[in-house]
Amino acid sequence: MENKLQQLLEEAHALVKRVSVNDIMTSQDNYCIIDVREPDEVAQSGKVKNALNIPRGVLEFRMKPDQEIQADQPILVYCGGGSRAALAGKTLLEVGFTNVQNLGGFKDWVEAGGEIDPPA
């Protein structure tokens, strides 16, 4: 069982490029940032400023390429540490998005001085 999970994570990390928080903070790109943590996690810690909170478990139902969000829209996903974000990024690629990257963990963003929306 553990080997299968490790295999899934390795595949997801290979498909979804991990990007540096510092590179994103200095980028001029217009990213759609998605926090894939559960709502109770976001309520406790806050989230990246202007990020959408779409839990990983419902991501494919709420995010589909369409007229509102183009398939090539730059998307960043993050979670608590980076693994759920990689799996979520893989899911977004599978539903048709083409420009998805893994921002890693929320703590990385906070430690780098990134702006946040405070806890509810």
PDB file of N, CA and C in Angstrom:
ATOM      1  N   MET A   1       0.830  -1.203   0.000  1.00  0.00           N
ATOM      2  CA  MET A   1       0.000   0.000   0.000  1.00  0.00           C
ATOM      3  C   MET A   1       0.868   1.258   0.000  1.00  0.00           C
ATOM      4  N   GLU A   2       1.844   1.305   0.891  1.00  0.00           N
ATOM      5  CA  GLU A   2       2.722   2.473   0.986  1.00  0.00           C
ATOM      6  C   GLU A   2       3.476   2.698  -0.324  1.00  0.00           C
ATOM      7  N   ASN A   3       3.905   1.605  -0.972  1.00  0.00           N
ATOM      8  CA  ASN A   3       4.617   1.739  -2.242  1.00  0.00           C
ATOM      9  C   ASN A   3       3.732   2.353  -3.318  1.00  0.00           C
ATOM     10  N   LYS A   4       2.453   2.012  -3.328  1.00  0.00           N
ATOM     11  CA  LYS A   4       1.514   2.551  -4.319  1.00  0.00           C
ATOM     12  C   LYS A   4       1.316   4.049  -4.094  1.00  0.00           C
ATOM     13  N   LEU A   5       1.160   4.450  -2.826  1.00  0.00           N
ATOM     14  CA  LEU A   5       1.029   5.868  -2.504  1.00  0.00           C
ATOM     15  C   LEU A   5       2.296   6.617  -2.908  1.00  0.00           C
ATOM     16  N   GLN A   6       3.437   6.068  -2.587  1.00  0.00           N
ATOM     17  CA  GLN A   6       4.702   6.698  -2.962  1.00  0.00           C
ATOM     18  C   GLN A   6       4.813   6.831  -4.471  1.00  0.00           C
ATOM     19  N   GLN A   7       4.367   5.822  -5.197  1.00  0.00           N
ATOM     20  CA  GLN A   7       4.389   5.852  -6.661  1.00  0.00           C
ATOM     21  C   GLN A   7       3.482   6.969  -7.194  1.00  0.00           C
ATOM     22  N   LEU A   8       2.278   7.110  -6.619  1.00  0.00           N
ATOM     23  CA  LEU A   8       1.363   8.172  -7.022  1.00  0.00           C
ATOM     24  C   LEU A   8       1.967   9.550  -6.773  1.00  0.00           C
ATOM     25  N   LEU A   9       2.578   9.719  -5.617  1.00  0.00           N
ATOM     26  CA  LEU A   9       3.203  11.006  -5.286  1.00  0.00           C
ATOM     27  C   LEU A   9       4.370  11.312  -6.210  1.00  0.00           C
ATOM     28  N   GLU A  10       5.199  10.331  -6.477  1.00  0.00           N
ATOM     29  CA  GLU A  10       6.341  10.543  -7.377  1.00  0.00           C
ATOM     30  C   GLU A  10       5.870  10.933  -8.773  1.00  0.00           C
ATOM     31  N   GLU A  11       4.820  10.271  -9.255  1.00  0.00           N
ATOM     32  CA  GLU A  11       4.268  10.586 -10.571  1.00  0.00           C
ATOM     33  C   GLU A  11       3.729  12.022 -10.593  1.00  0.00           C
ATOM     34  N   ALA A  12       3.001  12.395  -9.550  1.00  0.00           N
ATOM     35  CA  ALA A  12       2.429  13.741  -9.483  1.00  0.00           C
ATOM     36  C   ALA A  12       3.527  14.801  -9.418  1.00  0.00           C
ATOM     37  N   HIS A  13       4.535  14.566  -8.590  1.00  0.00           N
ATOM     38  CA  HIS A  13       5.640  15.531  -8.489  1.00  0.00           C
ATOM     39  C   HIS A  13       6.413  15.639  -9.807  1.00  0.00           C
ATOM     40  N   ALA A  14       6.500  14.551 -10.546  1.00  0.00           N
ATOM     41  CA  ALA A  14       7.191  14.587 -11.843  1.00  0.00           C
ATOM     42  C   ALA A  14       6.395  15.376 -12.880  1.00  0.00           C
ATOM     43  N   LEU A  15       5.076  15.309 -12.819  1.00  0.00           N
ATOM     44  CA  LEU A  15       4.227  15.987 -13.796  1.00  0.00           C
ATOM     45  C   LEU A  15       3.998  17.469 -13.495  1.00  0.00           C
ATOM     46  N   VAL A  16       3.962  17.819 -12.220  1.00  0.00           N
ATOM     47  CA  VAL A  16       3.607  19.174 -11.808  1.00  0.00           C
ATOM     48  C   VAL A  16       4.848  19.853 -11.238  1.00  0.00           C
ATOM     49  N   LYS A  17       5.377  20.776 -11.997  1.00  0.00           N
ATOM     50  CA  LYS A  17       6.625  21.450 -11.623  1.00  0.00           C
ATOM     51  C   LYS A  17       6.456  22.218 -10.305  1.00  0.00           C
ATOM     52  N   ARG A  18       7.409  22.061  -9.410  1.00  0.00           N
ATOM     53  CA  ARG A  18       7.436  22.815  -8.156  1.00  0.00           C
ATOM     54  C   ARG A  18       8.138  24.140  -8.438  1.00  0.00           C
ATOM     55  N   VAL A  19       7.524  25.225  -8.030  1.00  0.00           N
ATOM     56  CA  VAL A  19       8.094  26.546  -8.263  1.00  0.00           C
ATOM     57  C   VAL A  19       8.491  27.181  -6.943  1.00  0.00           C
ATOM     58  N   SER A  20       9.427  28.074  -7.017  1.00  0.00           N
ATOM     59  CA  SER A  20       9.914  28.780  -5.842  1.00  0.00           C
ATOM     60  C   SER A  20       8.945  29.887  -5.442  1.00  0.00           C
ATOM     61  N   VAL A  21       8.685  29.969  -4.146  1.00  0.00           N
ATOM     62  CA  VAL A  21       7.836  31.043  -3.628  1.00  0.00           C
ATOM     63  C   VAL A  21       8.420  32.392  -4.019  1.00  0.00           C
ATOM     64  N   ASN A  22       9.722  32.551  -3.895  1.00  0.00           N
ATOM     65  CA  ASN A  22      10.366  33.829  -4.233  1.00  0.00           C
ATOM     66  C   ASN A  22      10.198  34.172  -5.709  1.00  0.00           C
ATOM     67  N   ASP A  23      10.281  33.180  -6.582  1.00  0.00           N
ATOM     68  CA  ASP A  23      10.078  33.435  -8.012  1.00  0.00           C
ATOM     69  C   ASP A  23       8.653  33.917  -8.285  1.00  0.00           C
ATOM     70  N   ILE A  24       7.697  33.332  -7.597  1.00  0.00           N
ATOM     71  CA  ILE A  24       6.300  33.723  -7.798  1.00  0.00           C
ATOM     72  C   ILE A  24       6.058  35.130  -7.262  1.00  0.00           C
ATOM     73  N   MET A  25       6.659  35.449  -6.126  1.00  0.00           N
ATOM     74  CA  MET A  25       6.466  36.778  -5.535  1.00  0.00           C
ATOM     75  C   MET A  25       6.989  37.893  -6.425  1.00  0.00           C
ATOM     76  N   THR A  26       7.991  37.600  -7.234  1.00  0.00           N
ATOM     77  CA  THR A  26       8.566  38.627  -8.111  1.00  0.00           C
ATOM     78  C   THR A  26       8.028  38.542  -9.540  1.00  0.00           C
ATOM     79  N   SER A  27       7.207  37.538  -9.800  1.00  0.00           N
ATOM     80  CA  SER A  27       6.662  37.346 -11.147  1.00  0.00           C
ATOM     81  C   SER A  27       5.568  38.368 -11.443  1.00  0.00           C
ATOM     82  N   GLN A  28       5.444  38.712 -12.692  1.00  0.00           N
ATOM     83  CA  GLN A  28       4.384  39.602 -13.150  1.00  0.00           C
ATOM     84  C   GLN A  28       3.216  38.818 -13.756  1.00  0.00           C
ATOM     85  N   ASP A  29       3.319  37.495 -13.762  1.00  0.00           N
ATOM     86  CA  ASP A  29       2.260  36.668 -14.338  1.00  0.00           C
ATOM     87  C   ASP A  29       0.978  36.781 -13.515  1.00  0.00           C
ATOM     88  N   ASN A  30      -0.133  36.595 -14.172  1.00  0.00           N
ATOM     89  CA  ASN A  30      -1.436  36.662 -13.529  1.00  0.00           C
ATOM     90  C   ASN A  30      -1.900  35.234 -13.220  1.00  0.00           C
ATOM     91  N   TYR A  31      -1.511  34.749 -12.055  1.00  0.00           N
ATOM     92  CA  TYR A  31      -1.829  33.381 -11.670  1.00  0.00           C
ATOM     93  C   TYR A  31      -3.200  33.276 -11.021  1.00  0.00           C
ATOM     94  N   CYS A  32      -3.853  32.162 -11.261  1.00  0.00           N
ATOM     95  CA  CYS A  32      -5.003  31.744 -10.471  1.00  0.00           C
ATOM     96  C   CYS A  32      -4.393  30.848  -9.390  1.00  0.00           C
ATOM     97  N   ILE A  33      -4.495  31.258  -8.123  1.00  0.00           N
ATOM     98  CA  ILE A  33      -3.878  30.509  -7.028  1.00  0.00           C
ATOM     99  C   ILE A  33      -4.968  29.737  -6.296  1.00  0.00           C
ATOM    100  N   ILE A  34      -4.745  28.441  -6.145  1.00  0.00           N
ATOM    101  CA  ILE A  34      -5.737  27.573  -5.521  1.00  0.00           C
ATOM    102  C   ILE A  34      -5.141  26.898  -4.287  1.00  0.00           C
ATOM    103  N   ASP A  35      -5.797  27.106  -3.163  1.00  0.00           N
ATOM    104  CA  ASP A  35      -5.460  26.454  -1.901  1.00  0.00           C
ATOM    105  C   ASP A  35      -6.304  25.192  -1.824  1.00  0.00           C
ATOM    106  N   VAL A  36      -5.671  24.028  -1.852  1.00  0.00           N
ATOM    107  CA  VAL A  36      -6.422  22.774  -1.872  1.00  0.00           C
ATOM    108  C   VAL A  36      -6.583  22.154  -0.485  1.00  0.00           C
ATOM    109  N   ARG A  37      -6.275  22.935   0.552  1.00  0.00           N
ATOM    110  CA  ARG A  37      -6.475  22.441   1.916  1.00  0.00           C
ATOM    111  C   ARG A  37      -7.962  22.431   2.255  1.00  0.00           C
ATOM    112  N   GLU A  38      -8.297  21.753   3.320  1.00  0.00           N
ATOM    113  CA  GLU A  38      -9.673  21.700   3.795  1.00  0.00           C
ATOM    114  C   GLU A  38     -10.062  23.041   4.409  1.00  0.00           C
ATOM    115  N   PRO A  39     -11.349  23.399   4.353  1.00  0.00           N
ATOM    116  CA  PRO A  39     -11.798  24.688   4.888  1.00  0.00           C
ATOM    117  C   PRO A  39     -11.395  24.943   6.340  1.00  0.00           C
ATOM    118  N   ASP A  40     -11.384  23.902   7.183  1.00  0.00           N
ATOM    119  CA  ASP A  40     -11.000  24.118   8.578  1.00  0.00           C
ATOM    120  C   ASP A  40      -9.526  24.494   8.706  1.00  0.00           C
ATOM    121  N   GLU A  41      -8.669  23.990   7.814  1.00  0.00           N
ATOM    122  CA  GLU A  41      -7.258  24.381   7.822  1.00  0.00           C
ATOM    123  C   GLU A  41      -7.114  25.857   7.458  1.00  0.00           C
ATOM    124  N   VAL A  42      -7.846  26.279   6.434  1.00  0.00           N
ATOM    125  CA  VAL A  42      -7.799  27.669   5.986  1.00  0.00           C
ATOM    126  C   VAL A  42      -8.358  28.590   7.072  1.00  0.00           C
ATOM    127  N   ALA A  43      -9.426  28.162   7.745  1.00  0.00           N
ATOM    128  CA  ALA A  43     -10.029  28.971   8.806  1.00  0.00           C
ATOM    129  C   ALA A  43      -9.055  29.185   9.959  1.00  0.00           C
ATOM    130  N   GLN A  44      -8.163  28.238  10.189  1.00  0.00           N
ATOM    131  CA  GLN A  44      -7.201  28.354  11.282  1.00  0.00           C
ATOM    132  C   GLN A  44      -5.992  29.214  10.926  1.00  0.00           C
ATOM    133  N   SER A  45      -5.564  29.148   9.668  1.00  0.00           N
ATOM    134  CA  SER A  45      -4.288  29.787   9.317  1.00  0.00           C
ATOM    135  C   SER A  45      -4.394  30.935   8.332  1.00  0.00           C
ATOM    136  N   GLY A  46      -5.522  31.061   7.631  1.00  0.00           N
ATOM    137  CA  GLY A  46      -5.614  32.008   6.534  1.00  0.00           C
ATOM    138  C   GLY A  46      -5.147  31.341   5.255  1.00  0.00           C
ATOM    139  N   LYS A  47      -5.018  32.151   4.192  1.00  0.00           N
ATOM    140  CA  LYS A  47      -4.586  31.615   2.902  1.00  0.00           C
ATOM    141  C   LYS A  47      -3.799  32.676   2.148  1.00  0.00           C
ATOM    142  N   VAL A  48      -3.150  32.279   1.088  1.00  0.00           N
ATOM    143  CA  VAL A  48      -2.444  33.225   0.236  1.00  0.00           C
ATOM    144  C   VAL A  48      -3.445  34.276  -0.232  1.00  0.00           C
ATOM    145  N   LYS A  49      -3.025  35.538  -0.218  1.00  0.00           N
ATOM    146  CA  LYS A  49      -3.917  36.641  -0.580  1.00  0.00           C
ATOM    147  C   LYS A  49      -4.576  36.369  -1.933  1.00  0.00           C
ATOM    148  N   ASN A  50      -5.892  36.466  -1.950  1.00  0.00           N
ATOM    149  CA  ASN A  50      -6.735  36.294  -3.137  1.00  0.00           C
ATOM    150  C   ASN A  50      -6.781  34.866  -3.692  1.00  0.00           C
ATOM    151  N   ALA A  51      -6.256  33.905  -2.966  1.00  0.00           N
ATOM    152  CA  ALA A  51      -6.333  32.514  -3.430  1.00  0.00           C
ATOM    153  C   ALA A  51      -7.762  32.000  -3.291  1.00  0.00           C
ATOM    154  N   LEU A  52      -8.106  31.061  -4.151  1.00  0.00           N
ATOM    155  CA  LEU A  52      -9.382  30.360  -4.045  1.00  0.00           C
ATOM    156  C   LEU A  52      -9.168  29.139  -3.172  1.00  0.00           C
ATOM    157  N   ASN A  53     -10.064  28.877  -2.243  1.00  0.00           N
ATOM    158  CA  ASN A  53      -9.984  27.643  -1.463  1.00  0.00           C
ATOM    159  C   ASN A  53     -10.926  26.628  -2.090  1.00  0.00           C
ATOM    160  N   ILE A  54     -10.326  25.665  -2.775  1.00  0.00           N
ATOM    161  CA  ILE A  54     -11.079  24.571  -3.374  1.00  0.00           C
ATOM    162  C   ILE A  54     -10.426  23.278  -2.891  1.00  0.00           C
ATOM    163  N   PRO A  55     -11.021  22.619  -1.913  1.00  0.00           N
ATOM    164  CA  PRO A  55     -10.410  21.402  -1.378  1.00  0.00           C
ATOM    165  C   PRO A  55     -10.129  20.375  -2.472  1.00  0.00           C
ATOM    166  N   ARG A  56      -9.057  19.658  -2.295  1.00  0.00           N
ATOM    167  CA  ARG A  56      -8.630  18.681  -3.291  1.00  0.00           C
ATOM    168  C   ARG A  56      -9.735  17.692  -3.647  1.00  0.00           C
ATOM    169  N   GLY A  57     -10.539  17.316  -2.688  1.00  0.00           N
ATOM    170  CA  GLY A  57     -11.579  16.319  -2.915  1.00  0.00           C
ATOM    171  C   GLY A  57     -12.685  16.747  -3.870  1.00  0.00           C
ATOM    172  N   VAL A  58     -12.832  18.043  -4.106  1.00  0.00           N
ATOM    173  CA  VAL A  58     -13.886  18.517  -5.012  1.00  0.00           C
ATOM    174  C   VAL A  58     -13.315  19.299  -6.199  1.00  0.00           C
ATOM    175  N   LEU A  59     -12.032  19.281  -6.358  1.00  0.00           N
ATOM    176  CA  LEU A  59     -11.361  20.101  -7.359  1.00  0.00           C
ATOM    177  C   LEU A  59     -11.866  19.861  -8.774  1.00  0.00           C
ATOM    178  N   GLU A  60     -11.979  18.603  -9.167  1.00  0.00           N
ATOM    179  CA  GLU A  60     -12.385  18.319 -10.542  1.00  0.00           C
ATOM    180  C   GLU A  60     -13.831  18.696 -10.824  1.00  0.00           C
ATOM    181  N   PHE A  61     -14.638  18.874  -9.770  1.00  0.00           N
ATOM    182  CA  PHE A  61     -16.021  19.306  -9.955  1.00  0.00           C
ATOM    183  C   PHE A  61     -16.138  20.822 -10.054  1.00  0.00           C
ATOM    184  N   ARG A  62     -15.182  21.535  -9.487  1.00  0.00           N
ATOM    185  CA  ARG A  62     -15.249  22.997  -9.456  1.00  0.00           C
ATOM    186  C   ARG A  62     -14.337  23.683 -10.458  1.00  0.00           C
ATOM    187  N   MET A  63     -13.348  22.983 -10.973  1.00  0.00           N
ATOM    188  CA  MET A  63     -12.386  23.586 -11.906  1.00  0.00           C
ATOM    189  C   MET A  63     -12.390  22.828 -13.221  1.00  0.00           C
ATOM    190  N   LYS A  64     -12.873  23.500 -14.265  1.00  0.00           N
ATOM    191  CA  LYS A  64     -12.841  22.932 -15.612  1.00  0.00           C
ATOM    192  C   LYS A  64     -12.490  24.062 -16.571  1.00  0.00           C
ATOM    193  N   PRO A  65     -11.664  23.765 -17.573  1.00  0.00           N
ATOM    194  CA  PRO A  65     -11.389  24.815 -18.560  1.00  0.00           C
ATOM    195  C   PRO A  65     -12.691  25.235 -19.245  1.00  0.00           C
ATOM    196  N   ASP A  66     -12.959  26.520 -19.286  1.00  0.00           N
ATOM    197  CA  ASP A  66     -14.143  27.039 -19.958  1.00  0.00           C
ATOM    198  C   ASP A  66     -13.898  28.489 -20.341  1.00  0.00           C
ATOM    199  N   GLN A  67     -14.953  29.207 -20.624  1.00  0.00           N
ATOM    200  CA  GLN A  67     -14.795  30.604 -21.031  1.00  0.00           C
ATOM    201  C   GLN A  67     -14.278  31.476 -19.891  1.00  0.00           C
ATOM    202  N   GLU A  68     -14.595  31.126 -18.649  1.00  0.00           N
ATOM    203  CA  GLU A  68     -14.160  31.919 -17.501  1.00  0.00           C
ATOM    204  C   GLU A  68     -12.695  31.659 -17.152  1.00  0.00           C
ATOM    205  N   ILE A  69     -12.300  30.404 -17.196  1.00  0.00           N
ATOM    206  CA  ILE A  69     -10.908  30.032 -16.917  1.00  0.00           C
ATOM    207  C   ILE A  69     -10.396  29.241 -18.116  1.00  0.00           C
ATOM    208  N   GLN A  70      -9.511  29.852 -18.864  1.00  0.00           N
ATOM    209  CA  GLN A  70      -8.967  29.221 -20.067  1.00  0.00           C
ATOM    210  C   GLN A  70      -8.055  28.046 -19.702  1.00  0.00           C
ATOM    211  N   ALA A  71      -7.947  27.085 -20.608  1.00  0.00           N
ATOM    212  CA  ALA A  71      -7.125  25.902 -20.377  1.00  0.00           C
ATOM    213  C   ALA A  71      -5.666  26.251 -20.122  1.00  0.00           C
ATOM    214  N   ASP A  72      -5.174  27.357 -20.727  1.00  0.00           N
ATOM    215  CA  ASP A  72      -3.764  27.721 -20.566  1.00  0.00           C
ATOM    216  C   ASP A  72      -3.530  28.771 -19.477  1.00  0.00           C
ATOM    217  N   GLN A  73      -4.565  29.091 -18.694  1.00  0.00           N
ATOM    218  CA  GLN A  73      -4.433  30.034 -17.583  1.00  0.00           C
ATOM    219  C   GLN A  73      -3.341  29.536 -16.629  1.00  0.00           C
ATOM    220  N   PRO A  74      -2.376  30.370 -16.263  1.00  0.00           N
ATOM    221  CA  PRO A  74      -1.370  29.936 -15.282  1.00  0.00           C
ATOM    222  C   PRO A  74      -2.032  29.684 -13.917  1.00  0.00           C
ATOM    223  N   ILE A  75      -1.867  28.472 -13.420  1.00  0.00           N
ATOM    224  CA  ILE A  75      -2.476  28.076 -12.150  1.00  0.00           C
ATOM    225  C   ILE A  75      -1.383  27.606 -11.199  1.00  0.00           C
ATOM    226  N   LEU A  76      -1.469  28.087  -9.957  1.00  0.00           N
ATOM    227  CA  LEU A  76      -0.607  27.619  -8.877  1.00  0.00           C
ATOM    228  C   LEU A  76      -1.476  26.903  -7.860  1.00  0.00           C
ATOM    229  N   VAL A  77      -1.038  25.748  -7.413  1.00  0.00           N
ATOM    230  CA  VAL A  77      -1.740  25.038  -6.352  1.00  0.00           C
ATOM    231  C   VAL A  77      -0.812  24.908  -5.158  1.00  0.00           C
ATOM    232  N   TYR A  78      -1.391  24.975  -3.969  1.00  0.00           N
ATOM    233  CA  TYR A  78      -0.599  24.746  -2.762  1.00  0.00           C
ATOM    234  C   TYR A  78      -1.473  24.084  -1.707  1.00  0.00           C
ATOM    235  N   CYS A  79      -0.807  23.544  -0.694  1.00  0.00           N
ATOM    236  CA  CYS A  79      -1.505  22.886   0.410  1.00  0.00           C
ATOM    237  C   CYS A  79      -0.699  23.145   1.678  1.00  0.00           C
ATOM    238  N   GLY A  80      -0.650  22.192   2.571  1.00  0.00           N
ATOM    239  CA  GLY A  80       0.117  22.358   3.790  1.00  0.00           C
ATOM    240  C   GLY A  80       1.610  22.135   3.579  1.00  0.00           C
ATOM    241  N   GLY A  81       1.962  21.161   2.753  1.00  0.00           N
ATOM    242  CA  GLY A  81       3.370  20.841   2.564  1.00  0.00           C
ATOM    243  C   GLY A  81       3.808  20.606   1.130  1.00  0.00           C
ATOM    244  N   GLY A  82       2.879  20.406   0.215  1.00  0.00           N
ATOM    245  CA  GLY A  82       3.219  20.255  -1.198  1.00  0.00           C
ATOM    246  C   GLY A  82       2.743  18.983  -1.858  1.00  0.00           C
ATOM    247  N   SER A  83       2.480  17.928  -1.081  1.00  0.00           N
ATOM    248  CA  SER A  83       2.074  16.665  -1.700  1.00  0.00           C
ATOM    249  C   SER A  83       0.635  16.699  -2.218  1.00  0.00           C
ATOM    250  N   ARG A  84      -0.298  17.212  -1.419  1.00  0.00           N
ATOM    251  CA  ARG A  84      -1.675  17.333  -1.921  1.00  0.00           C
ATOM    252  C   ARG A  84      -1.720  18.267  -3.119  1.00  0.00           C
ATOM    253  N   ALA A  85      -0.882  19.298  -3.095  1.00  0.00           N
ATOM    254  CA  ALA A  85      -0.834  20.235  -4.223  1.00  0.00           C
ATOM    255  C   ALA A  85      -0.365  19.526  -5.488  1.00  0.00           C
ATOM    256  N   ALA A  86       0.625  18.660  -5.371  1.00  0.00           N
ATOM    257  CA  ALA A  86       1.098  17.916  -6.541  1.00  0.00           C
ATOM    258  C   ALA A  86      -0.008  17.021  -7.081  1.00  0.00           C
ATOM    259  N   LEU A  87      -0.715  16.314  -6.195  1.00  0.00           N
ATOM    260  CA  LEU A  87      -1.816  15.460  -6.636  1.00  0.00           C
ATOM    261  C   LEU A  87      -2.937  16.293  -7.256  1.00  0.00           C
ATOM    262  N   ALA A  88      -3.227  17.453  -6.670  1.00  0.00           N
ATOM    263  CA  ALA A  88      -4.255  18.344  -7.228  1.00  0.00           C
ATOM    264  C   ALA A  88      -3.822  18.870  -8.592  1.00  0.00           C
ATOM    265  N   GLY A  89      -2.552  19.220  -8.723  1.00  0.00           N
ATOM    266  CA  GLY A  89      -2.041  19.690 -10.003  1.00  0.00           C
ATOM    267  C   GLY A  89      -2.168  18.637 -11.085  1.00  0.00           C
ATOM    268  N   LYS A  90      -1.885  17.397 -10.728  1.00  0.00           N
ATOM    269  CA  LYS A  90      -2.038  16.285 -11.669  1.00  0.00           C
ATOM    270  C   LYS A  90      -3.503  16.169 -12.104  1.00  0.00           C
ATOM    271  N   THR A  91      -4.421  16.317 -11.157  1.00  0.00           N
ATOM    272  CA  THR A  91      -5.849  16.270 -11.476  1.00  0.00           C
ATOM    273  C   THR A  91      -6.225  17.390 -12.440  1.00  0.00           C
ATOM    274  N   LEU A  92      -5.725  18.597 -12.185  1.00  0.00           N
ATOM    275  CA  LEU A  92      -6.031  19.725 -13.070  1.00  0.00           C
ATOM    276  C   LEU A  92      -5.494  19.485 -14.482  1.00  0.00           C
ATOM    277  N   LEU A  93      -4.316  18.886 -14.588  1.00  0.00           N
ATOM    278  CA  LEU A  93      -3.792  18.529 -15.910  1.00  0.00           C
ATOM    279  C   LEU A  93      -4.713  17.515 -16.589  1.00  0.00           C
ATOM    280  N   GLU A  94      -5.202  16.557 -15.820  1.00  0.00           N
ATOM    281  CA  GLU A  94      -6.065  15.517 -16.369  1.00  0.00           C
ATOM    282  C   GLU A  94      -7.411  16.059 -16.847  1.00  0.00           C
ATOM    283  N   VAL A  95      -7.922  17.136 -16.228  1.00  0.00           N
ATOM    284  CA  VAL A  95      -9.201  17.695 -16.678  1.00  0.00           C
ATOM    285  C   VAL A  95      -9.022  18.719 -17.795  1.00  0.00           C
ATOM    286  N   GLY A  96      -7.773  19.005 -18.183  1.00  0.00           N
ATOM    287  CA  GLY A  96      -7.567  19.832 -19.362  1.00  0.00           C
ATOM    288  C   GLY A  96      -6.783  21.115 -19.203  1.00  0.00           C
ATOM    289  N   PHE A  97      -6.366  21.458 -17.982  1.00  0.00           N
ATOM    290  CA  PHE A  97      -5.518  22.639 -17.820  1.00  0.00           C
ATOM    291  C   PHE A  97      -4.098  22.288 -18.258  1.00  0.00           C
ATOM    292  N   THR A  98      -3.398  23.254 -18.812  1.00  0.00           N
ATOM    293  CA  THR A  98      -2.076  22.960 -19.381  1.00  0.00           C
ATOM    294  C   THR A  98      -0.922  23.698 -18.705  1.00  0.00           C
ATOM    295  N   ASN A  99      -1.227  24.641 -17.822  1.00  0.00           N
ATOM    296  CA  ASN A  99      -0.186  25.487 -17.225  1.00  0.00           C
ATOM    297  C   ASN A  99      -0.339  25.488 -15.703  1.00  0.00           C
ATOM    298  N   VAL A 100      -0.061  24.332 -15.090  1.00  0.00           N
ATOM    299  CA  VAL A 100      -0.264  24.141 -13.655  1.00  0.00           C
ATOM    300  C   VAL A 100       1.087  23.916 -12.984  1.00  0.00           C
ATOM    301  N   GLN A 101       1.296  24.628 -11.864  1.00  0.00           N
ATOM    302  CA  GLN A 101       2.534  24.476 -11.107  1.00  0.00           C
ATOM    303  C   GLN A 101       2.224  24.330  -9.622  1.00  0.00           C
ATOM    304  N   ASN A 102       3.138  23.705  -8.903  1.00  0.00           N
ATOM    305  CA  ASN A 102       2.991  23.441  -7.480  1.00  0.00           C
ATOM    306  C   ASN A 102       3.768  24.492  -6.694  1.00  0.00           C
ATOM    307  N   LEU A 103       3.051  25.309  -5.926  1.00  0.00           N
ATOM    308  CA  LEU A 103       3.673  26.330  -5.083  1.00  0.00           C
ATOM    309  C   LEU A 103       4.200  25.739  -3.784  1.00  0.00           C
ATOM    310  N   GLY A 104       3.800  24.525  -3.469  1.00  0.00           N
ATOM    311  CA  GLY A 104       4.284  23.866  -2.255  1.00  0.00           C
ATOM    312  C   GLY A 104       3.356  24.052  -1.083  1.00  0.00           C
ATOM    313  N   GLY A 105       3.933  24.447   0.058  1.00  0.00           N
ATOM    314  CA  GLY A 105       3.171  24.553   1.285  1.00  0.00           C
ATOM    315  C   GLY A 105       2.887  25.982   1.705  1.00  0.00           C
ATOM    316  N   PHE A 106       1.775  26.169   2.372  1.00  0.00           N
ATOM    317  CA  PHE A 106       1.386  27.486   2.869  1.00  0.00           C
ATOM    318  C   PHE A 106       2.466  28.054   3.788  1.00  0.00           C
ATOM    319  N   LYS A 107       3.071  27.203   4.594  1.00  0.00           N
ATOM    320  CA  LYS A 107       4.105  27.682   5.521  1.00  0.00           C
ATOM    321  C   LYS A 107       5.291  28.287   4.764  1.00  0.00           C
ATOM    322  N   ASP A 108       5.602  27.758   3.603  1.00  0.00           N
ATOM    323  CA  ASP A 108       6.694  28.317   2.795  1.00  0.00           C
ATOM    324  C   ASP A 108       6.364  29.750   2.377  1.00  0.00           C
ATOM    325  N   TRP A 109       5.110  29.972   2.000  1.00  0.00           N
ATOM    326  CA  TRP A 109       4.653  31.293   1.583  1.00  0.00           C
ATOM    327  C   TRP A 109       4.760  32.284   2.748  1.00  0.00           C
ATOM    328  N   VAL A 110       4.272  31.852   3.906  1.00  0.00           N
ATOM    329  CA  VAL A 110       4.285  32.716   5.094  1.00  0.00           C
ATOM    330  C   VAL A 110       5.721  33.037   5.502  1.00  0.00           C
ATOM    331  N   GLU A 111       6.582  32.013   5.538  1.00  0.00           N
ATOM    332  CA  GLU A 111       7.978  32.218   5.936  1.00  0.00           C
ATOM    333  C   GLU A 111       8.715  33.154   4.990  1.00  0.00           C
ATOM    334  N   ALA A 112       8.296  33.199   3.722  1.00  0.00           N
ATOM    335  CA  ALA A 112       8.935  34.081   2.742  1.00  0.00           C
ATOM    336  C   ALA A 112       8.355  35.491   2.783  1.00  0.00           C
ATOM    337  N   GLY A 113       7.371  35.717   3.657  1.00  0.00           N
ATOM    338  CA  GLY A 113       6.790  37.055   3.787  1.00  0.00           C
ATOM    339  C   GLY A 113       5.675  37.333   2.805  1.00  0.00           C
ATOM    340  N   GLY A 114       5.085  36.304   2.226  1.00  0.00           N
ATOM    341  CA  GLY A 114       3.997  36.494   1.274  1.00  0.00           C
ATOM    342  C   GLY A 114       2.743  37.047   1.949  1.00  0.00           C
ATOM    343  N   GLU A 115       1.985  37.826   1.181  1.00  0.00           N
ATOM    344  CA  GLU A 115       0.747  38.389   1.707  1.00  0.00           C
ATOM    345  C   GLU A 115      -0.282  37.295   1.893  1.00  0.00           C
ATOM    346  N   ILE A 116      -1.067  37.427   2.980  1.00  0.00           N
ATOM    347  CA  ILE A 116      -2.114  36.442   3.236  1.00  0.00           C
ATOM    348  C   ILE A 116      -3.444  37.133   3.520  1.00  0.00           C
ATOM    349  N   ASP A 117      -4.507  36.377   3.281  1.00  0.00           N
ATOM    350  CA  ASP A 117      -5.822  36.735   3.780  1.00  0.00           C
ATOM    351  C   ASP A 117      -5.892  36.084   5.151  1.00  0.00           C
ATOM    352  N   PRO A 118      -6.149  36.843   6.217  1.00  0.00           N
ATOM    353  CA  PRO A 118      -6.104  36.285   7.577  1.00  0.00           C
ATOM    354  C   PRO A 118      -7.183  35.236   7.800  1.00  0.00           C
ATOM    355  N   PRO A 119      -7.021  34.435   8.869  1.00  0.00           N
ATOM    356  CA  PRO A 119      -8.042  33.431   9.198  1.00  0.00           C
ATOM    357  C   PRO A 119      -9.406  34.076   9.391  1.00  0.00           C
ATOM    358  N   ALA A 120     -10.419  33.305   9.091  1.00  0.00           N
ATOM    359  CA  ALA A 120     -11.799  33.814   9.220  1.00  0.00           C
ATOM    360  C   ALA A 120     -12.195  33.988  10.672  1.00  0.00           C
TER     361      ALA A 120
END
